PDB file of all heavy atoms in Angstrom:
ATOM      1  N   THR A   1     212.446 100.406 160.490  1.00  0.00           N
ATOM      2  CA  THR A   1     211.077 100.889 160.249  1.00  0.00           C
ATOM      3  C   THR A   1     210.178  99.677 159.978  1.00  0.00           C
ATOM      4  O   THR A   1     210.619  98.664 159.433  1.00  0.00           O
ATOM      5  CB  THR A   1     211.034 101.893 159.087  1.00  0.00           C
ATOM      6  OG1 THR A   1     211.643 101.249 157.936  1.00  0.00           O
ATOM      7  CG2 THR A   1     211.787 103.104 159.385  1.00  0.00           C
ATOM      8  N   ARG A   2     208.887  99.798 160.328  1.00  0.00           N
ATOM      9  CA  ARG A   2     207.940  98.684 160.189  1.00  0.00           C
ATOM     10  C   ARG A   2     207.236  98.681 158.810  1.00  0.00           C
ATOM     11  O   ARG A   2     206.876  97.629 158.327  1.00  0.00           O
ATOM     12  CB  ARG A   2     206.914  98.773 161.305  1.00  0.00           C
ATOM     13  CG  ARG A   2     207.527  98.634 162.675  1.00  0.00           C
ATOM     14  CD  ARG A   2     206.428  98.743 163.753  1.00  0.00           C
ATOM     15  NE  ARG A   2     205.400  97.733 163.536  1.00  0.00           N
ATOM     16  CZ  ARG A   2     204.280  97.637 164.215  1.00  0.00           C
ATOM     17  NH1 ARG A   2     204.043  98.585 165.159  1.00  0.00           N
ATOM     18  NH2 ARG A   2     203.356  96.747 163.960  1.00  0.00           N
ATOM     19  N   PHE A   3     207.065  99.863 158.214  1.00  0.00           N
ATOM     20  CA  PHE A   3     206.331  99.977 156.977  1.00  0.00           C
ATOM     21  C   PHE A   3     207.176 100.778 155.956  1.00  0.00           C
ATOM     22  O   PHE A   3     207.955 101.647 156.356  1.00  0.00           O
ATOM     23  CB  PHE A   3     204.981 100.630 157.178  1.00  0.00           C
ATOM     24  CG  PHE A   3     204.085  99.845 158.100  1.00  0.00           C
ATOM     25  CD1 PHE A   3     203.988 100.146 159.444  1.00  0.00           C
ATOM     26  CD2 PHE A   3     203.307  98.766 157.647  1.00  0.00           C
ATOM     27  CE1 PHE A   3     203.198  99.499 160.304  1.00  0.00           C
ATOM     28  CE2 PHE A   3     202.478  98.084 158.510  1.00  0.00           C
ATOM     29  CZ  PHE A   3     202.473  98.425 159.845  1.00  0.00           C
ATOM     30  N   CYS A   4     206.997 100.510 154.669  1.00  0.00           N
ATOM     31  CA  CYS A   4     207.680 101.210 153.614  1.00  0.00           C
ATOM     32  C   CYS A   4     207.148 102.628 153.509  1.00  0.00           C
ATOM     33  O   CYS A   4     205.952 102.873 153.558  1.00  0.00           O
ATOM     34  CB  CYS A   4     207.490 100.510 152.284  1.00  0.00           C
ATOM     35  SG  CYS A   4     208.245 101.336 150.910  1.00  0.00           S
ATOM     36  N   LYS A   5     208.051 103.580 153.442  1.00  0.00           N
ATOM     37  CA  LYS A   5     207.654 104.969 153.411  1.00  0.00           C
ATOM     38  C   LYS A   5     207.165 105.394 152.033  1.00  0.00           C
ATOM     39  O   LYS A   5     206.724 106.570 151.857  1.00  0.00           O
ATOM     40  CB  LYS A   5     208.808 105.866 153.824  1.00  0.00           C
ATOM     41  CG  LYS A   5     210.059 105.752 152.937  1.00  0.00           C
ATOM     42  CD  LYS A   5     211.149 106.602 153.489  1.00  0.00           C
ATOM     43  CE  LYS A   5     212.425 106.451 152.611  1.00  0.00           C
ATOM     44  NZ  LYS A   5     213.537 107.240 153.144  1.00  0.00           N
ATOM     45  N   TYR A   6     207.295 104.510 151.050  1.00  0.00           N
ATOM     46  CA  TYR A   6     206.888 104.853 149.672  1.00  0.00           C
ATOM     47  C   TYR A   6     205.531 104.265 149.292  1.00  0.00           C
ATOM     48  O   TYR A   6     204.724 104.895 148.695  1.00  0.00           O
ATOM     49  CB  TYR A   6     207.976 104.474 148.659  1.00  0.00           C
ATOM     50  CG  TYR A   6     209.314 105.006 148.997  1.00  0.00           C
ATOM     51  CD1 TYR A   6     210.360 104.198 149.396  1.00  0.00           C
ATOM     52  CD2 TYR A   6     209.541 106.423 148.862  1.00  0.00           C
ATOM     53  CE1 TYR A   6     211.606 104.727 149.625  1.00  0.00           C
ATOM     54  CE2 TYR A   6     210.793 106.959 149.189  1.00  0.00           C
ATOM     55  CZ  TYR A   6     211.785 106.124 149.593  1.00  0.00           C
ATOM     56  OH  TYR A   6     213.040 106.627 149.855  1.00  0.00           O
ATOM     57  N   CYS A   7     205.357 102.962 149.645  1.00  0.00           N
ATOM     58  CA  CYS A   7     204.133 102.295 149.272  1.00  0.00           C
ATOM     59  C   CYS A   7     203.327 101.802 150.459  1.00  0.00           C
ATOM     60  O   CYS A   7     202.176 101.281 150.251  1.00  0.00           O
ATOM     61  CB  CYS A   7     204.406 101.093 148.303  1.00  0.00           C
ATOM     62  SG  CYS A   7     205.360  99.742 149.100  1.00  0.00           S
ATOM     63  N   GLY A   8     203.858 101.816 151.686  1.00  0.00           N
ATOM     64  CA  GLY A   8     203.142 101.420 152.874  1.00  0.00           C
ATOM     65  C   GLY A   8     203.171  99.955 153.159  1.00  0.00           C
ATOM     66  O   GLY A   8     202.530  99.468 154.083  1.00  0.00           O
ATOM     67  N   ALA A   9     203.906  99.182 152.378  1.00  0.00           N
ATOM     68  CA  ALA A   9     203.947  97.723 152.623  1.00  0.00           C
ATOM     69  C   ALA A   9     204.719  97.374 153.911  1.00  0.00           C
ATOM     70  O   ALA A   9     205.663  98.102 154.275  1.00  0.00           O
ATOM     71  CB  ALA A   9     204.616  97.003 151.445  1.00  0.00           C
ATOM     72  N   PRO A  10     204.315  96.337 154.669  1.00  0.00           N
ATOM     73  CA  PRO A  10     205.105  95.972 155.858  1.00  0.00           C
ATOM     74  C   PRO A  10     206.511  95.486 155.549  1.00  0.00           C
ATOM     75  O   PRO A  10     206.721  94.829 154.563  1.00  0.00           O
ATOM     76  CB  PRO A  10     204.254  94.866 156.526  1.00  0.00           C
ATOM     77  CG  PRO A  10     203.427  94.313 155.371  1.00  0.00           C
ATOM     78  CD  PRO A  10     203.174  95.457 154.409  1.00  0.00           C
ATOM     79  N   LEU A  11     207.442  95.888 156.367  1.00  0.00           N
ATOM     80  CA  LEU A  11     208.882  95.560 156.208  1.00  0.00           C
ATOM     81  C   LEU A  11     209.317  94.527 157.182  1.00  0.00           C
ATOM     82  O   LEU A  11     210.546  94.262 157.212  1.00  0.00           O
ATOM     83  CB  LEU A  11     209.720  96.845 156.303  1.00  0.00           C
ATOM     84  CG  LEU A  11     209.450  97.918 155.298  1.00  0.00           C
ATOM     85  CD1 LEU A  11     210.348  99.096 155.607  1.00  0.00           C
ATOM     86  CD2 LEU A  11     209.717  97.422 153.895  1.00  0.00           C
ATOM     87  N   GLU A  12     208.478  93.958 158.005  1.00  0.00           N
ATOM     88  CA  GLU A  12     208.951  92.990 159.001  1.00  0.00           C
ATOM     89  C   GLU A  12     209.394  91.741 158.259  1.00  0.00           C
ATOM     90  O   GLU A  12     208.728  91.197 157.408  1.00  0.00           O
ATOM     91  CB  GLU A  12     207.794  92.647 159.996  1.00  0.00           C
ATOM     92  CG  GLU A  12     207.372  93.813 160.784  1.00  0.00           C
ATOM     93  CD  GLU A  12     206.267  93.469 161.756  1.00  0.00           C
ATOM     94  OE1 GLU A  12     205.828  92.316 161.752  1.00  0.00           O
ATOM     95  OE2 GLU A  12     205.835  94.362 162.531  1.00  0.00           O
ATOM     96  N   GLY A  13     210.543  91.223 158.673  1.00  0.00           N
ATOM     97  CA  GLY A  13     211.112  90.011 158.076  1.00  0.00           C
ATOM     98  C   GLY A  13     211.960  90.335 156.848  1.00  0.00           C
ATOM     99  O   GLY A  13     212.609  89.392 156.288  1.00  0.00           O
ATOM    100  N   GLU A  14     211.999  91.603 156.373  1.00  0.00           N
ATOM    101  CA  GLU A  14     212.812  91.907 155.238  1.00  0.00           C
ATOM    102  C   GLU A  14     214.275  92.058 155.663  1.00  0.00           C
ATOM    103  O   GLU A  14     214.574  92.562 156.715  1.00  0.00           O
ATOM    104  CB  GLU A  14     212.334  93.233 154.584  1.00  0.00           C
ATOM    105  CG  GLU A  14     210.940  93.157 154.019  1.00  0.00           C
ATOM    106  CD  GLU A  14     210.859  92.281 152.786  1.00  0.00           C
ATOM    107  OE1 GLU A  14     211.939  92.044 152.187  1.00  0.00           O
ATOM    108  OE2 GLU A  14     209.759  91.823 152.469  1.00  0.00           O
ATOM    109  N   ARG A  15     215.158  91.558 154.823  1.00  0.00           N
ATOM    110  CA  ARG A  15     216.584  91.675 155.100  1.00  0.00           C
ATOM    111  C   ARG A  15     217.149  92.931 154.480  1.00  0.00           C
ATOM    112  O   ARG A  15     216.509  93.482 153.571  1.00  0.00           O
ATOM    113  CB  ARG A  15     217.324  90.449 154.505  1.00  0.00           C
ATOM    114  CG  ARG A  15     217.026  89.142 155.310  1.00  0.00           C
ATOM    115  CD  ARG A  15     217.752  87.989 154.637  1.00  0.00           C
ATOM    116  NE  ARG A  15     217.229  87.667 153.320  1.00  0.00           N
ATOM    117  CZ  ARG A  15     217.752  86.748 152.532  1.00  0.00           C
ATOM    118  NH1 ARG A  15     218.825  86.057 152.907  1.00  0.00           N
ATOM    119  NH2 ARG A  15     217.241  86.501 151.343  1.00  0.00           N
ATOM    120  N   PRO A  16     218.354  93.406 154.941  1.00  0.00           N
ATOM    121  CA  PRO A  16     218.917  94.600 154.328  1.00  0.00           C
ATOM    122  C   PRO A  16     219.141  94.351 152.838  1.00  0.00           C
ATOM    123  O   PRO A  16     219.298  93.242 152.353  1.00  0.00           O
ATOM    124  CB  PRO A  16     220.226  94.734 155.046  1.00  0.00           C
ATOM    125  CG  PRO A  16     220.031  94.077 156.395  1.00  0.00           C
ATOM    126  CD  PRO A  16     219.085  92.906 156.097  1.00  0.00           C
ATOM    127  N   ALA A  17     219.127  95.453 152.100  1.00  0.00           N
ATOM    128  CA  ALA A  17     219.235  95.396 150.685  1.00  0.00           C
ATOM    129  C   ALA A  17     220.578  94.760 150.240  1.00  0.00           C
ATOM    130  O   ALA A  17     220.663  94.080 149.174  1.00  0.00           O
ATOM    131  CB  ALA A  17     219.112  96.767 150.032  1.00  0.00           C
ATOM    132  N   SER A  18     221.658  94.942 151.021  1.00  0.00           N
ATOM    133  CA  SER A  18     222.939  94.402 150.657  1.00  0.00           C
ATOM    134  C   SER A  18     223.010  92.850 150.827  1.00  0.00           C
ATOM    135  O   SER A  18     223.858  92.243 150.242  1.00  0.00           O
ATOM    136  CB  SER A  18     224.047  95.033 151.474  1.00  0.00           C
ATOM    137  OG  SER A  18     223.772  94.813 152.889  1.00  0.00           O
ATOM    138  N   GLU A  19     222.071  92.304 151.626  1.00  0.00           N
ATOM    139  CA  GLU A  19     222.096  90.864 151.870  1.00  0.00           C
ATOM    140  C   GLU A  19     221.040  90.142 151.034  1.00  0.00           C
ATOM    141  O   GLU A  19     220.990  88.900 151.029  1.00  0.00           O
ATOM    142  CB  GLU A  19     221.800  90.563 153.338  1.00  0.00           C
ATOM    143  CG  GLU A  19     222.834  91.218 154.281  1.00  0.00           C
ATOM    144  CD  GLU A  19     222.442  90.890 155.753  1.00  0.00           C
ATOM    145  OE1 GLU A  19     221.469  90.159 155.931  1.00  0.00           O
ATOM    146  OE2 GLU A  19     223.220  91.392 156.636  1.00  0.00           O
ATOM    147  N   ARG A  20     220.166  90.869 150.297  1.00  0.00           N
ATOM    148  CA  ARG A  20     219.162  90.223 149.517  1.00  0.00           C
ATOM    149  C   ARG A  20     219.793  89.662 148.258  1.00  0.00           C
ATOM    150  O   ARG A  20     220.577  90.307 147.593  1.00  0.00           O
ATOM    151  CB  ARG A  20     218.100  91.246 149.117  1.00  0.00           C
ATOM    152  CG  ARG A  20     217.282  91.776 150.293  1.00  0.00           C
ATOM    153  CD  ARG A  20     216.242  92.775 149.812  1.00  0.00           C
ATOM    154  NE  ARG A  20     215.274  92.126 148.877  1.00  0.00           N
ATOM    155  CZ  ARG A  20     214.152  91.560 149.292  1.00  0.00           C
ATOM    156  NH1 ARG A  20     213.863  91.553 150.585  1.00  0.00           N
ATOM    157  NH2 ARG A  20     213.323  91.044 148.447  1.00  0.00           N
ATOM    158  N   PRO A  21     219.501  88.407 147.876  1.00  0.00           N
ATOM    159  CA  PRO A  21     220.076  87.866 146.667  1.00  0.00           C
ATOM    160  C   PRO A  21     219.497  88.566 145.434  1.00  0.00           C
ATOM    161  O   PRO A  21     218.317  88.894 145.398  1.00  0.00           O
ATOM    162  CB  PRO A  21     219.682  86.372 146.738  1.00  0.00           C
ATOM    163  CG  PRO A  21     218.453  86.387 147.584  1.00  0.00           C
ATOM    164  CD  PRO A  21     218.657  87.469 148.601  1.00  0.00           C
ATOM    165  N   SER A  22     220.388  88.810 144.510  1.00  0.00           N
ATOM    166  CA  SER A  22     219.959  89.464 143.303  1.00  0.00           C
ATOM    167  C   SER A  22     219.103  88.514 142.477  1.00  0.00           C
ATOM    168  O   SER A  22     219.333  87.307 142.418  1.00  0.00           O
ATOM    169  CB  SER A  22     221.159  89.889 142.473  1.00  0.00           C
ATOM    170  OG  SER A  22     221.960  88.762 142.154  1.00  0.00           O
ATOM    171  N   ARG A  23     218.111  89.040 141.782  1.00  0.00           N
ATOM    172  CA  ARG A  23     217.229  88.211 141.053  1.00  0.00           C
ATOM    173  C   ARG A  23     217.929  87.721 139.824  1.00  0.00           C
ATOM    174  O   ARG A  23     218.740  88.406 139.147  1.00  0.00           O
ATOM    175  CB  ARG A  23     216.005  89.095 140.595  1.00  0.00           C
ATOM    176  CG  ARG A  23     215.096  89.528 141.745  1.00  0.00           C
ATOM    177  CD  ARG A  23     213.916  90.235 141.203  1.00  0.00           C
ATOM    178  NE  ARG A  23     214.304  91.493 140.559  1.00  0.00           N
ATOM    179  CZ  ARG A  23     213.456  92.298 139.970  1.00  0.00           C
ATOM    180  NH1 ARG A  23     212.181  91.968 139.964  1.00  0.00           N
ATOM    181  NH2 ARG A  23     213.886  93.392 139.393  1.00  0.00           N
ATOM    182  N   ALA A  24     217.598  86.505 139.443  1.00  0.00           N
ATOM    183  CA  ALA A  24     218.229  85.906 138.268  1.00  0.00           C
ATOM    184  C   ALA A  24     217.744  86.595 137.025  1.00  0.00           C
ATOM    185  O   ALA A  24     216.730  87.254 136.997  1.00  0.00           O
ATOM    186  CB  ALA A  24     217.863  84.379 138.217  1.00  0.00           C
ATOM    187  N   ALA A  25     218.528  86.430 135.960  1.00  0.00           N
ATOM    188  CA  ALA A  25     218.178  87.099 134.701  1.00  0.00           C
ATOM    189  C   ALA A  25     216.858  86.562 134.176  1.00  0.00           C
ATOM    190  O   ALA A  25     216.111  87.315 133.506  1.00  0.00           O
ATOM    191  CB  ALA A  25     219.277  86.940 133.675  1.00  0.00           C
ATOM    192  N   SER A  26     216.561  85.290 134.468  1.00  0.00           N
ATOM    193  CA  SER A  26     215.324  84.713 133.956  1.00  0.00           C
ATOM    194  C   SER A  26     214.108  85.287 134.623  1.00  0.00           C
ATOM    195  O   SER A  26     213.023  85.269 134.083  1.00  0.00           O
ATOM    196  CB  SER A  26     215.332  83.210 134.117  1.00  0.00           C
ATOM    197  OG  SER A  26     215.475  82.875 135.484  1.00  0.00           O
ATOM    198  N   GLU A  27     214.242  85.818 135.937  1.00  0.00           N
ATOM    199  CA  GLU A  27     213.139  86.364 136.654  1.00  0.00           C
ATOM    200  C   GLU A  27     212.843  87.810 136.311  1.00  0.00           C
ATOM    201  O   GLU A  27     211.840  88.347 136.646  1.00  0.00           O
ATOM    202  CB  GLU A  27     213.373  86.246 138.153  1.00  0.00           C
ATOM    203  CG  GLU A  27     213.562  84.808 138.608  1.00  0.00           C
ATOM    204  CD  GLU A  27     213.840  84.722 140.073  1.00  0.00           C
ATOM    205  OE1 GLU A  27     213.909  85.831 140.714  1.00  0.00           O
ATOM    206  OE2 GLU A  27     213.996  83.629 140.602  1.00  0.00           O
TER     207      GLU A  27
END
């Protein structure tokens, strides 16, 4: 899909959720 179905933000260039690095605890 090209846009988020919840907020409408563009999804082009986004990686699958399983490949996204988890945010550090400091962030």
